[in-house]
């Protein structure tokens, strides 16, 4: 007698590639076929399991195991599948299915399109067909994997990313000839992310928020998460290289950033990673200040709502007393004042002076660029000549490879010099403004109640180097750019006060007469 349990069945659908789906083997088509088969045979479908073309091997294994658990738990004796290679493509899964159907005469697997049923009572020659088809499915999978790897190897050697999506790029071209090109909407955000992070004023988390506020969105239209931003900042793809299977290749995709900028960001990321360990108390000056006597890092702790620092170094060190963080902050405040433009008008004047100075640099750079381009042309001509000599048999392949390697190295050095020349001009004004604006706003940034300890440390690293504590007094050195400001800004501020009383300033509100003599030939951006 047939029971309700005997009528229950499950449907198992699987599409292995996008191409199969386009040819009409979609999950919907499979499910429709199997549902109609179940209706014709009065089977009751208890559940449908579906595996998409995008599923990983791990996900396929997980779904397969879930299906077996479900049929055992619910005492279902029938599995409906389109074809054998939809259910299994390896001998291990084939053996699992064989063990399952052999455990009970009622258990069956129906392969509808092949009009084939596997059960405990399947005859010997049919079992042979089952074994052969599993073996053929396994061969198909292995062969497909080999072909895919072969195609990927050829593509990476040609200089293109074999597969995968990169934020900031779009994929163009027909199947087998797809390449990556910068997306005009998202590529500027990627460049800005690298530039902002290289300045040292942004944490990954803060950078994520800034990019979102400015309009960057992921593929799904949602905010690009912190881990994704960290991953793209670590990816040399954006400066023209591809990492594939642990090896680096020179890519043909158009870079969004320069190699120099990428390397600068990697230096920042390494420091960020070292300082990014989870800690119980995230003190403002943690790992920032050393003992002025023994050189050990000053340790910080919180007592009754206040932060205290003291040396925990060598026993012979006499610097064992505690100093409150407020005392350190007062010393830093005096240091900020020394590099700060006296007013917004002084800052505006500096920006104008930098802008005019940049014009001279642009003219000089034009001559430098022309000279570098001549060197580049000469190297390209040499590469062409030795290639022709190799083709004509004048030189050996080994000699060609050796000389080509040397010329390419020279070419990379020349291109790097060209990038440096360009960046010196392009960044002169922007970096100069950034340095002076940071000096103007440093105290405000440090005192901001929303600023995290990490943000404050980033600010201090930008302005100071060699912070040390001795006899409970803070000693410090400015970084080169701010060392220059500490010498120059007091003079400029004093001069600006005198100029306020002049007849010219009262008429125009400008400090223009002062800047040639103050700036002179000294670069206000020593970095």
Protein backbone atom coordinates (compact mmCIF):
# COMPACT_ATOMS: atom_id res chain seq x y z
CA UNK A 1 0.00 0.00 0.00
CA UNK A 2 1.32 3.45 -0.94
CA UNK A 3 1.43 5.94 1.96
CA UNK A 4 1.61 9.74 1.96
CA UNK A 5 5.30 9.49 2.91
CA UNK A 6 5.94 7.34 -0.16
CA UNK A 7 4.61 10.16 -2.39
CA UNK A 8 6.93 12.82 -0.98
CA UNK A 9 9.91 13.88 -3.03
CA UNK A 10 12.44 16.69 -3.28
CA UNK A 11 13.66 18.55 -6.38
CA UNK A 12 17.37 19.26 -6.90
CA UNK A 13 18.31 21.89 -9.53
CA UNK A 14 21.76 23.10 -10.50
CA UNK A 15 23.22 25.43 -13.13
CA UNK A 16 27.00 25.33 -13.40
CA UNK A 17 27.69 28.32 -15.64
CA UNK A 18 26.12 31.46 -17.04
CA UNK A 19 26.43 29.96 -20.51
CA UNK A 20 24.28 26.97 -19.54
CA UNK A 21 21.61 29.31 -18.22
CA UNK A 22 21.66 31.32 -21.46
CA UNK A 23 21.14 28.11 -23.44
CA UNK A 24 17.91 27.31 -21.63
CA UNK A 25 19.23 25.23 -18.74
CA UNK A 26 18.16 27.82 -16.16
CA UNK A 27 17.06 26.87 -12.68
CA UNK A 28 13.51 27.94 -13.56
CA UNK A 29 13.47 25.66 -16.62
CA UNK A 30 14.78 22.71 -14.57
CA UNK A 31 12.30 23.29 -11.76
CA UNK A 32 9.40 23.51 -14.22
CA UNK A 33 10.43 20.23 -15.89
CA UNK A 34 10.76 18.39 -12.57
CA UNK A 35 7.56 19.84 -11.10
CA UNK A 36 5.56 18.68 -14.13
CA UNK A 37 7.16 15.22 -13.83
CA UNK A 38 6.14 15.07 -10.15
CA UNK A 39 2.56 16.05 -10.99
CA UNK A 40 2.29 13.38 -13.69
CA UNK A 41 3.45 10.75 -11.21
CA UNK A 42 1.38 12.05 -8.27
CA UNK A 43 4.51 12.92 -6.26
CA UNK A 44 4.28 15.59 -3.56
CA UNK A 45 7.22 18.03 -3.68
CA UNK A 46 8.35 18.65 -0.09
CA UNK A 47 11.20 21.05 -0.94
CA UNK A 48 13.27 22.37 -3.84
CA UNK A 49 17.05 22.79 -3.60
CA UNK A 50 18.68 25.21 -6.05
CA UNK A 51 22.35 25.89 -6.80
CA UNK A 52 23.11 28.99 -8.89
CA UNK A 53 25.91 29.43 -11.40
CA UNK A 54 27.67 31.82 -9.03
CA UNK A 55 27.88 29.30 -6.15
CA UNK A 56 31.33 28.31 -4.95
CA UNK A 57 32.47 24.71 -4.49
CA UNK A 58 32.02 25.15 -0.76
CA UNK A 59 28.43 26.32 -1.24
CA UNK A 60 27.65 23.43 -3.61
CA UNK A 61 28.94 20.95 -1.02
CA UNK A 62 26.90 22.65 1.71
CA UNK A 63 23.65 22.50 -0.33
CA UNK A 64 24.27 18.86 -1.28
CA UNK A 65 24.75 17.91 2.38
CA UNK A 66 21.68 19.92 3.43
CA UNK A 67 19.64 18.03 0.85
CA UNK A 68 20.77 14.63 2.21
CA UNK A 69 20.08 15.68 5.80
CA UNK A 70 16.60 16.87 4.81
CA UNK A 71 15.60 13.63 3.03
CA UNK A 72 16.86 11.50 5.93
CA UNK A 73 15.25 13.63 8.62
CA UNK A 74 11.88 13.76 6.83
CA UNK A 75 12.06 10.13 5.64
CA UNK A 76 11.78 11.10 1.99
CA UNK A 77 12.63 8.29 -0.39
CA UNK A 78 12.76 10.09 -3.74
CA UNK A 79 15.04 12.70 -5.34
CA UNK A 80 14.16 14.28 -8.70
CA UNK A 81 16.95 15.69 -10.82
CA UNK A 82 17.24 16.73 -14.45
CA UNK A 83 20.42 14.77 -15.31
CA UNK A 84 23.20 12.92 -13.52
CA UNK A 85 25.69 15.77 -13.89
CA UNK A 86 23.18 18.10 -12.20
CA UNK A 87 23.38 15.99 -9.02
CA UNK A 88 26.99 14.88 -8.84
CA UNK A 89 30.25 15.44 -10.68
CA UNK A 90 32.64 13.52 -8.50
CA UNK A 91 33.06 9.93 -7.39
CA UNK A 92 32.67 10.80 -3.71
CA UNK A 93 29.16 12.25 -4.14
CA UNK A 94 28.31 9.41 -6.51
CA UNK A 95 29.28 6.90 -3.82
CA UNK A 96 27.20 8.78 -1.22
CA UNK A 97 24.11 8.63 -3.47
CA UNK A 98 24.76 4.94 -4.20
CA UNK A 99 24.95 4.17 -0.46
CA UNK A 100 21.74 6.11 0.15
CA UNK A 101 19.68 4.27 -2.50
CA UNK A 102 21.18 0.91 -1.42
CA UNK A 103 20.03 1.36 2.17
CA UNK A 104 16.33 0.81 1.36
CA UNK A 105 14.37 -0.60 -1.60
CA UNK A 106 12.04 2.42 -1.56
CA UNK A 107 14.81 4.98 -2.12
CA UNK A 108 15.12 6.24 -5.70
CA UNK A 109 16.82 8.96 -7.71
CA UNK A 110 14.98 9.96 -10.92
CA UNK A 111 17.02 11.58 -13.70
CA UNK A 112 14.11 12.86 -15.75
CA UNK A 113 15.74 13.99 -19.00
CA UNK A 114 17.75 10.78 -19.23
CA UNK A 115 14.69 8.64 -18.37
CA UNK A 116 16.85 6.85 -15.83
CA UNK A 117 16.07 5.74 -12.25
CA UNK A 118 18.67 4.56 -9.73
CA UNK A 119 17.51 2.35 -6.87
CA UNK A 120 18.57 -0.70 -4.89
CA UNK A 121 16.91 -2.91 -7.49
CA UNK A 122 18.68 -1.29 -10.46
CA UNK A 123 20.07 -4.04 -12.72
CA UNK A 124 23.80 -4.60 -13.10
CA UNK A 125 24.12 -3.10 -16.58
CA UNK A 126 22.13 -0.03 -15.45
CA UNK A 127 24.43 0.37 -12.47
CA UNK A 128 27.32 0.28 -14.93
CA UNK A 129 25.67 3.09 -16.89
CA UNK A 130 25.26 5.05 -13.61
CA UNK A 131 28.94 4.57 -12.72
CA UNK A 132 30.05 5.53 -16.24
CA UNK A 133 27.94 8.68 -16.27
CA UNK A 134 29.29 9.75 -12.88
CA UNK A 135 32.82 9.17 -14.21
CA UNK A 136 32.01 11.16 -17.37
CA UNK A 137 30.56 14.01 -15.28
CA UNK A 138 33.75 13.99 -13.21
CA UNK A 139 35.86 14.08 -16.39
CA UNK A 140 33.77 17.00 -17.66
CA UNK A 141 34.38 18.93 -14.42
CA UNK A 142 38.13 18.25 -14.43
CA UNK A 143 38.45 19.12 -18.10
CA UNK A 144 36.44 22.30 -17.64
CA UNK A 145 38.70 23.29 -14.73
CA UNK A 146 41.81 22.69 -16.86
CA UNK A 147 40.41 24.78 -19.72
CA UNK A 148 39.47 27.60 -17.38
CA UNK A 149 42.96 27.62 -15.83
CA UNK A 150 44.51 27.54 -19.29
CA UNK A 151 42.42 30.51 -20.38
CA UNK A 152 43.21 32.41 -17.18
CA UNK A 153 46.95 31.77 -17.62
CA UNK A 154 46.86 33.09 -21.18
CA UNK A 155 44.91 36.17 -20.12
CA UNK A 156 47.15 37.07 -17.18
CA UNK A 157 50.25 36.64 -19.34
CA UNK A 158 48.66 39.02 -21.84
CA UNK A 159 48.39 41.58 -19.04
CA UNK A 160 44.68 41.39 -18.19
CA UNK A 161 42.87 40.33 -15.02
CA UNK A 162 41.35 36.89 -15.78
CA UNK A 163 38.30 37.34 -13.57
CA UNK A 164 36.87 39.41 -10.77
CA UNK A 165 35.41 42.86 -10.25
CA UNK A 166 37.42 45.89 -9.14
CA UNK A 167 35.64 48.91 -7.71
CA UNK A 168 36.49 51.90 -9.89
CA UNK A 169 36.66 49.85 -13.10
CA UNK A 170 34.08 48.52 -15.54
CA UNK A 171 34.35 45.37 -17.66
CA UNK A 172 33.98 45.86 -21.41
CA UNK A 173 34.27 43.62 -24.48
CA UNK A 174 32.85 40.31 -25.68
CA UNK A 175 33.22 36.95 -23.94
CA UNK A 176 36.83 35.80 -24.02
CA UNK A 177 38.01 39.36 -24.70
CA UNK A 178 36.76 41.19 -21.65
CA UNK A 179 39.04 43.90 -20.24
CA UNK A 180 38.92 46.44 -17.43
CA UNK A 181 38.76 50.19 -17.98
CA UNK A 182 38.34 52.98 -15.39
CA UNK A 183 34.73 53.88 -14.69
CA UNK A 184 34.28 57.62 -15.16
CA UNK A 185 31.91 57.82 -12.17
CA UNK A 186 33.73 55.71 -9.55
CA UNK A 187 37.42 55.98 -10.59
CA UNK A 188 37.76 59.57 -9.21
CA UNK A 189 36.60 58.31 -5.80
CA UNK A 190 39.33 55.63 -5.81
CA UNK A 191 41.99 58.21 -6.60
CA UNK A 192 40.66 60.49 -3.88
CA UNK A 193 40.69 57.62 -1.37
CA UNK A 194 44.42 57.03 -1.98
CA UNK A 195 45.22 60.76 -1.87
CA UNK A 196 43.32 61.36 1.37
CA UNK A 197 44.83 58.35 3.12
CA UNK A 198 48.37 59.25 1.99
CA UNK A 199 48.05 62.60 3.78
CA UNK A 200 47.88 60.74 7.11
CA UNK A 201 44.86 62.64 8.43
CA UNK A 202 42.27 59.91 7.86
CA UNK A 203 41.73 56.54 9.46
CA UNK A 204 40.13 53.80 7.33
CA UNK A 205 36.85 54.28 9.19
CA UNK A 206 36.88 58.04 8.72
CA UNK A 207 37.84 57.64 5.05
CA UNK A 208 34.89 55.28 4.55
CA UNK A 209 32.50 57.91 5.90
CA UNK A 210 34.03 60.70 3.80
CA UNK A 211 33.75 58.68 0.57
CA UNK A 212 30.13 57.81 1.36
CA UNK A 213 29.25 61.45 2.04
CA UNK A 214 30.86 62.48 -1.24
CA UNK A 215 28.80 59.92 -3.17
CA UNK A 216 30.77 56.65 -3.51
CA UNK A 217 28.55 53.57 -3.59
CA UNK A 218 29.26 49.86 -4.10
CA UNK A 219 27.76 47.61 -6.78
CA UNK A 220 24.57 47.22 -4.76
CA UNK A 221 24.20 50.95 -4.23
CA UNK A 222 25.12 50.69 -0.55
CA UNK A 223 27.98 52.17 1.46
CA UNK A 224 31.41 50.69 0.73
CA UNK A 225 32.39 49.01 4.01
CA UNK A 226 35.66 49.55 5.88
CA UNK A 227 37.12 46.14 4.96
CA UNK A 228 36.52 46.84 1.26
CA UNK A 229 38.21 50.26 1.48
CA UNK A 230 41.20 48.66 3.24
CA UNK A 231 41.35 45.96 0.55
CA UNK A 232 41.32 48.44 -2.36
CA UNK A 233 44.00 50.60 -0.68
CA UNK A 234 46.19 47.46 -0.57
CA UNK A 235 45.54 46.43 -4.19
CA UNK A 236 48.33 47.27 -6.72
CA UNK A 237 45.76 46.82 -9.53
CA UNK A 238 44.99 50.52 -9.22
CA UNK A 239 48.58 51.50 -10.11
CA UNK A 240 48.91 49.09 -13.04
CA UNK A 241 49.88 45.73 -11.53
CA UNK A 242 47.97 42.47 -11.02
CA UNK A 243 48.46 39.92 -8.24
CA UNK A 244 47.35 36.50 -9.48
CA UNK A 245 48.02 33.22 -7.66
CA UNK A 246 50.60 34.95 -5.47
CA UNK A 247 52.61 36.36 -8.40
CA UNK A 248 52.83 39.95 -9.60
CA UNK A 249 52.19 40.80 -13.26
CA UNK A 250 52.44 44.11 -15.09
CA UNK A 251 48.88 44.81 -16.20
CA UNK A 252 47.61 46.56 -19.33
CA UNK A 253 44.69 48.22 -17.55
CA UNK A 254 44.84 52.01 -17.32
CA UNK A 255 46.10 52.91 -13.81
CA UNK A 256 43.96 55.19 -11.67
CA UNK A 257 46.88 56.24 -9.44
CA UNK A 258 50.66 56.39 -9.68
CA UNK A 259 53.00 53.75 -8.33
CA UNK A 260 54.54 56.40 -6.05
CA UNK A 261 51.16 57.22 -4.45
CA UNK A 262 50.38 53.51 -4.01
CA UNK A 263 53.69 52.90 -2.22
CA UNK A 264 53.11 55.91 0.05
CA UNK A 265 49.76 54.47 1.09
CA UNK A 266 51.33 51.06 1.78
CA UNK A 267 53.76 52.73 4.20
CA UNK A 268 50.82 54.33 6.00
CA UNK A 269 48.88 51.06 6.07
CA UNK A 270 51.79 49.21 7.68
CA UNK A 271 52.01 51.80 10.46
CA UNK A 272 48.25 51.75 10.84
CA UNK A 273 48.25 47.97 11.09
CA UNK A 274 50.93 47.92 13.78
CA UNK A 275 49.05 50.50 15.78
CA UNK A 276 45.67 48.92 15.14
CA UNK A 277 45.80 46.09 17.65
CA UNK A 278 42.78 45.91 19.92
CA UNK A 279 43.52 47.45 23.29
CA UNK A 280 41.52 47.84 26.42
CA UNK A 281 42.22 51.56 26.82
CA UNK A 282 42.84 53.66 23.71
CA UNK A 283 44.83 56.48 25.34
CA UNK A 284 45.52 59.57 23.25
CA UNK A 285 49.32 59.46 23.60
CA UNK A 286 49.76 55.66 23.54
CA UNK A 287 52.98 54.70 21.68
CA UNK A 288 53.57 58.39 20.87
CA UNK A 289 55.98 59.61 23.59
CA UNK A 290 59.29 58.12 24.78
CA UNK A 291 61.16 58.62 28.01
CA UNK A 292 63.78 61.34 27.55
CA UNK A 293 66.27 59.42 29.69
CA UNK A 294 66.07 55.68 28.86
CA UNK A 295 64.19 55.86 25.53
CA UNK A 296 61.39 53.48 26.53
CA UNK A 297 57.80 54.24 25.57
CA UNK A 298 55.80 56.13 28.19
CA UNK A 299 52.91 53.99 29.48
CA UNK A 300 49.46 55.48 30.04
CA UNK A 301 46.64 54.61 32.40
CA UNK A 302 43.35 56.11 33.52
CA UNK A 303 42.76 57.09 37.14
CA UNK A 304 39.60 58.90 38.34
CA UNK A 305 38.78 60.05 34.83
CA UNK A 306 42.26 61.44 34.04
CA UNK A 307 45.04 60.00 31.87
CA UNK A 308 48.48 59.65 33.45
CA UNK A 309 51.76 58.74 31.80
CA UNK A 310 54.99 57.40 33.33
CA UNK A 311 58.08 55.50 32.31
CA UNK A 312 58.07 51.76 32.97
CA UNK A 313 61.53 51.24 31.53
CA UNK A 314 64.87 50.33 33.08
CA UNK A 315 65.22 50.22 36.86
CA UNK A 316 68.09 52.72 36.66
CA UNK A 317 65.81 55.29 34.94
CA UNK A 318 64.91 58.17 37.27
CA UNK A 319 61.82 59.23 35.29
CA UNK A 320 59.30 57.29 37.39
CA UNK A 321 56.93 60.13 38.26
CA UNK A 322 53.46 60.47 36.76
CA UNK A 323 52.45 63.30 34.43
CA UNK A 324 48.85 64.19 33.55
CA UNK A 325 47.82 64.25 29.91
CA UNK A 326 46.50 67.82 30.36
CA UNK A 327 50.08 69.01 30.94
CA UNK A 328 51.15 67.41 27.66
CA UNK A 329 48.19 69.02 25.88
CA UNK A 330 49.20 72.47 27.18
CA UNK A 331 52.70 72.02 25.75
CA UNK A 332 51.25 70.91 22.43
CA UNK A 333 48.93 73.92 22.40
CA UNK A 334 51.97 76.25 22.62
CA UNK A 335 53.58 74.28 19.79
CA UNK A 336 50.44 74.63 17.65
CA UNK A 337 50.40 78.40 18.26
CA UNK A 338 53.96 78.72 16.99
CA UNK A 339 53.09 77.39 13.51
CA UNK A 340 49.60 78.90 13.23
CA UNK A 341 48.83 81.79 10.84
CA UNK A 342 47.57 84.68 13.00
CA UNK A 343 44.24 85.04 11.17
CA UNK A 344 42.16 83.88 8.22
CA UNK A 345 43.44 86.87 6.23
CA UNK A 346 47.03 85.74 6.75
CA UNK A 347 46.09 82.23 5.60
CA UNK A 348 44.36 83.62 2.50
CA UNK A 349 47.43 85.67 1.67
CA UNK A 350 49.65 82.58 1.97
CA UNK A 351 47.41 80.68 -0.44
CA UNK A 352 47.66 83.49 -2.98
CA UNK A 353 51.44 83.64 -2.60
CA UNK A 354 51.72 79.88 -3.14
CA UNK A 355 49.52 80.13 -6.22
CA UNK A 356 51.77 82.76 -7.82
CA UNK A 357 54.91 80.87 -6.88
CA UNK A 358 53.46 77.77 -8.53
CA UNK A 359 53.36 79.52 -11.92
CA UNK A 360 57.17 79.76 -11.97
CA UNK A 361 57.49 76.07 -11.05
CA UNK A 362 55.13 75.15 -13.91
CA UNK A 363 57.32 76.94 -16.46
CA UNK A 364 60.46 75.26 -15.13
CA UNK A 365 58.75 71.89 -15.15
CA UNK A 366 57.92 72.22 -18.84
CA UNK A 367 61.63 72.23 -19.68
CA UNK A 368 62.31 69.30 -17.34
CA UNK A 369 59.46 67.30 -18.87
CA UNK A 370 60.72 67.89 -22.41
CA UNK A 371 64.19 66.64 -21.44
CA UNK A 372 62.78 63.52 -19.77
CA UNK A 373 60.56 62.79 -22.79
CA UNK A 374 63.64 62.87 -25.03
CA UNK A 375 65.29 60.24 -22.81
CA UNK A 376 62.13 58.14 -22.96
CA UNK A 377 62.04 58.31 -26.77
CA UNK A 378 65.69 57.23 -26.93
CA UNK A 379 65.03 54.19 -24.71
CA UNK A 380 62.00 53.17 -26.81
CA UNK A 381 64.13 53.41 -29.96
CA UNK A 382 66.75 51.15 -28.38
CA UNK A 383 64.10 48.61 -27.42
CA UNK A 384 62.76 48.61 -31.00
CA UNK A 385 66.27 48.19 -32.43
CA UNK A 386 67.28 45.20 -30.29
CA UNK A 387 63.89 43.59 -31.03
CA UNK A 388 64.55 43.93 -34.77
CA UNK A 389 68.08 42.55 -34.25
CA UNK A 390 66.61 39.54 -32.46
CA UNK A 391 64.10 38.91 -35.27
CA UNK A 392 66.87 39.21 -37.88
CA UNK A 393 69.11 36.81 -35.93
CA UNK A 394 71.80 39.44 -35.35
CA UNK A 395 71.70 38.88 -31.59
CA UNK A 396 70.77 35.81 -29.52
CA UNK A 397 67.55 35.46 -27.56
CA UNK A 398 69.50 35.43 -24.25
CA UNK A 399 71.31 38.67 -25.13
CA UNK A 400 68.02 40.25 -26.20
CA UNK A 401 66.34 39.35 -22.88
CA UNK A 402 69.29 40.73 -20.90
CA UNK A 403 69.38 44.05 -22.79
CA UNK A 404 65.58 44.37 -22.85
CA UNK A 405 65.49 43.93 -19.09
CA UNK A 406 68.12 46.67 -18.66
CA UNK A 407 66.32 49.07 -21.00
CA UNK A 408 62.95 48.44 -19.34
CA UNK A 409 64.50 49.18 -15.95
CA UNK A 410 65.87 52.45 -17.33
CA UNK A 411 62.46 53.20 -18.84
CA UNK A 412 60.72 52.66 -15.48
CA UNK A 413 63.24 54.98 -13.79
CA UNK A 414 62.65 57.67 -16.43
CA UNK A 415 58.86 57.36 -16.11
CA UNK A 416 59.23 57.62 -12.33
CA UNK A 417 61.28 60.81 -12.79
CA UNK A 418 58.59 62.17 -15.10
CA UNK A 419 55.89 61.37 -12.54
CA UNK A 420 57.96 63.05 -9.85
CA UNK A 421 58.39 66.17 -11.98
CA UNK A 422 54.67 66.29 -12.70
CA UNK A 423 53.71 65.68 -9.09
CA UNK A 424 56.15 68.28 -7.81
CA UNK A 425 54.21 70.89 -9.75
CA UNK A 426 50.72 69.47 -9.39
CA UNK A 427 51.10 68.90 -5.67
CA UNK A 428 53.12 72.02 -4.82
CA UNK A 429 50.13 74.30 -4.41
CA UNK A 430 47.80 71.64 -2.92
CA UNK A 431 50.37 70.38 -0.40
CA UNK A 432 51.40 73.90 0.52
CA UNK A 433 47.78 74.85 1.21
CA UNK A 434 47.20 71.61 3.13
CA UNK A 435 50.23 72.23 5.37
CA UNK A 436 49.21 75.78 6.21
CA UNK A 437 45.54 74.92 6.69
CA UNK A 438 46.46 72.07 9.04
CA UNK A 439 48.68 74.45 11.01
CA UNK A 440 45.80 76.95 11.18
CA UNK A 441 43.26 74.34 12.36
CA UNK A 442 45.48 71.98 14.40
CA UNK A 443 44.30 73.18 17.81
CA UNK A 444 40.67 73.07 16.73
CA UNK A 445 41.07 69.51 15.37
CA UNK A 446 42.82 68.32 18.54
CA UNK A 447 40.18 69.87 20.81
CA UNK A 448 37.24 68.53 18.80
CA UNK A 449 35.13 66.39 21.13
CA UNK A 450 34.21 64.07 18.24
CA UNK A 451 37.87 63.38 17.40
CA UNK A 452 39.00 59.89 18.42
CA UNK A 453 42.35 59.09 20.01
CA UNK A 454 43.35 57.60 16.66
CA UNK A 455 42.48 60.87 14.87
CA UNK A 456 44.58 62.87 17.34
CA UNK A 457 47.56 60.55 16.94
CA UNK A 458 47.33 60.92 13.16
CA UNK A 459 47.43 64.71 13.59
CA UNK A 460 50.46 64.56 15.91
CA UNK A 461 52.35 62.22 13.54
CA UNK A 462 51.82 64.74 10.75
CA UNK A 463 53.22 67.69 12.70
CA UNK A 464 55.70 66.26 15.24
CA UNK A 465 58.50 63.74 15.41
CA UNK A 466 60.57 62.56 18.34
CA UNK A 467 58.14 63.37 21.16
CA UNK A 468 59.85 62.70 24.50
CA UNK A 469 59.20 63.34 28.20
CA UNK A 470 61.83 64.25 30.79
CA UNK A 471 61.35 65.82 34.22
CA UNK A 472 57.63 65.88 33.39
CA UNK A 473 58.28 68.28 30.50
CA UNK A 474 57.48 67.53 26.85
CA UNK A 475 60.29 67.84 24.33
CA UNK A 476 59.57 67.57 20.62
CA UNK A 477 60.75 68.21 17.09
CA UNK A 478 58.58 69.32 14.20
CA UNK A 479 58.49 67.40 10.93
CA UNK A 480 60.46 69.30 8.22
CA UNK A 481 57.52 71.26 6.80
CA UNK A 482 56.31 72.41 10.20
CA UNK A 483 59.84 73.10 11.42
CA UNK A 484 60.06 75.66 8.65
CA UNK A 485 56.68 77.10 9.67
CA UNK A 486 57.82 77.35 13.31
CA UNK A 487 60.66 79.66 12.13
CA UNK A 488 58.80 81.54 9.41
CA UNK A 489 55.26 81.96 10.76
CA UNK A 490 56.15 84.13 13.82
CA UNK A 491 57.94 86.56 11.47
CA UNK A 492 55.02 86.62 9.05
CA UNK A 493 52.48 87.08 11.84
CA UNK A 494 54.52 89.96 13.30
CA UNK A 495 54.84 91.59 9.87
CA UNK A 496 51.13 91.20 9.20
CA UNK A 497 50.36 93.13 12.40
CA UNK A 498 52.60 95.98 11.29
CA UNK A 499 51.07 95.98 7.81
CA UNK A 500 47.58 96.34 9.25
CA UNK A 501 48.53 99.89 10.21
CA UNK A 502 49.86 100.77 6.77
CA UNK A 503 48.05 102.97 4.31
CA UNK A 504 48.13 100.26 1.59
CA UNK A 505 46.42 97.68 3.82
CA UNK A 506 43.72 100.14 4.91
CA UNK A 507 42.92 100.71 1.23
CA UNK A 508 43.10 97.14 -0.07
CA UNK A 509 43.06 94.80 2.96
CA UNK A 510 45.99 92.97 1.33
CA UNK A 511 49.42 91.88 2.60
CA UNK A 512 50.70 91.69 -0.99
CA UNK A 513 53.73 94.02 -0.59
CA UNK A 514 55.17 91.78 2.11
CA UNK A 515 55.25 88.40 0.47
CA UNK A 516 58.24 88.69 -1.94
CA UNK A 517 60.64 89.61 0.82
CA UNK A 518 59.19 87.08 3.27
CA UNK A 519 59.04 84.12 0.94
CA UNK A 520 62.18 84.87 -1.02
CA UNK A 521 63.54 81.73 -2.67
CA UNK A 522 62.71 79.53 0.33
CA UNK A 523 60.22 76.78 -0.45
CA UNK A 524 57.32 76.95 2.01
CA UNK A 525 56.78 73.23 1.47
CA UNK A 526 60.13 71.57 2.32
CA UNK A 527 58.51 68.13 2.12
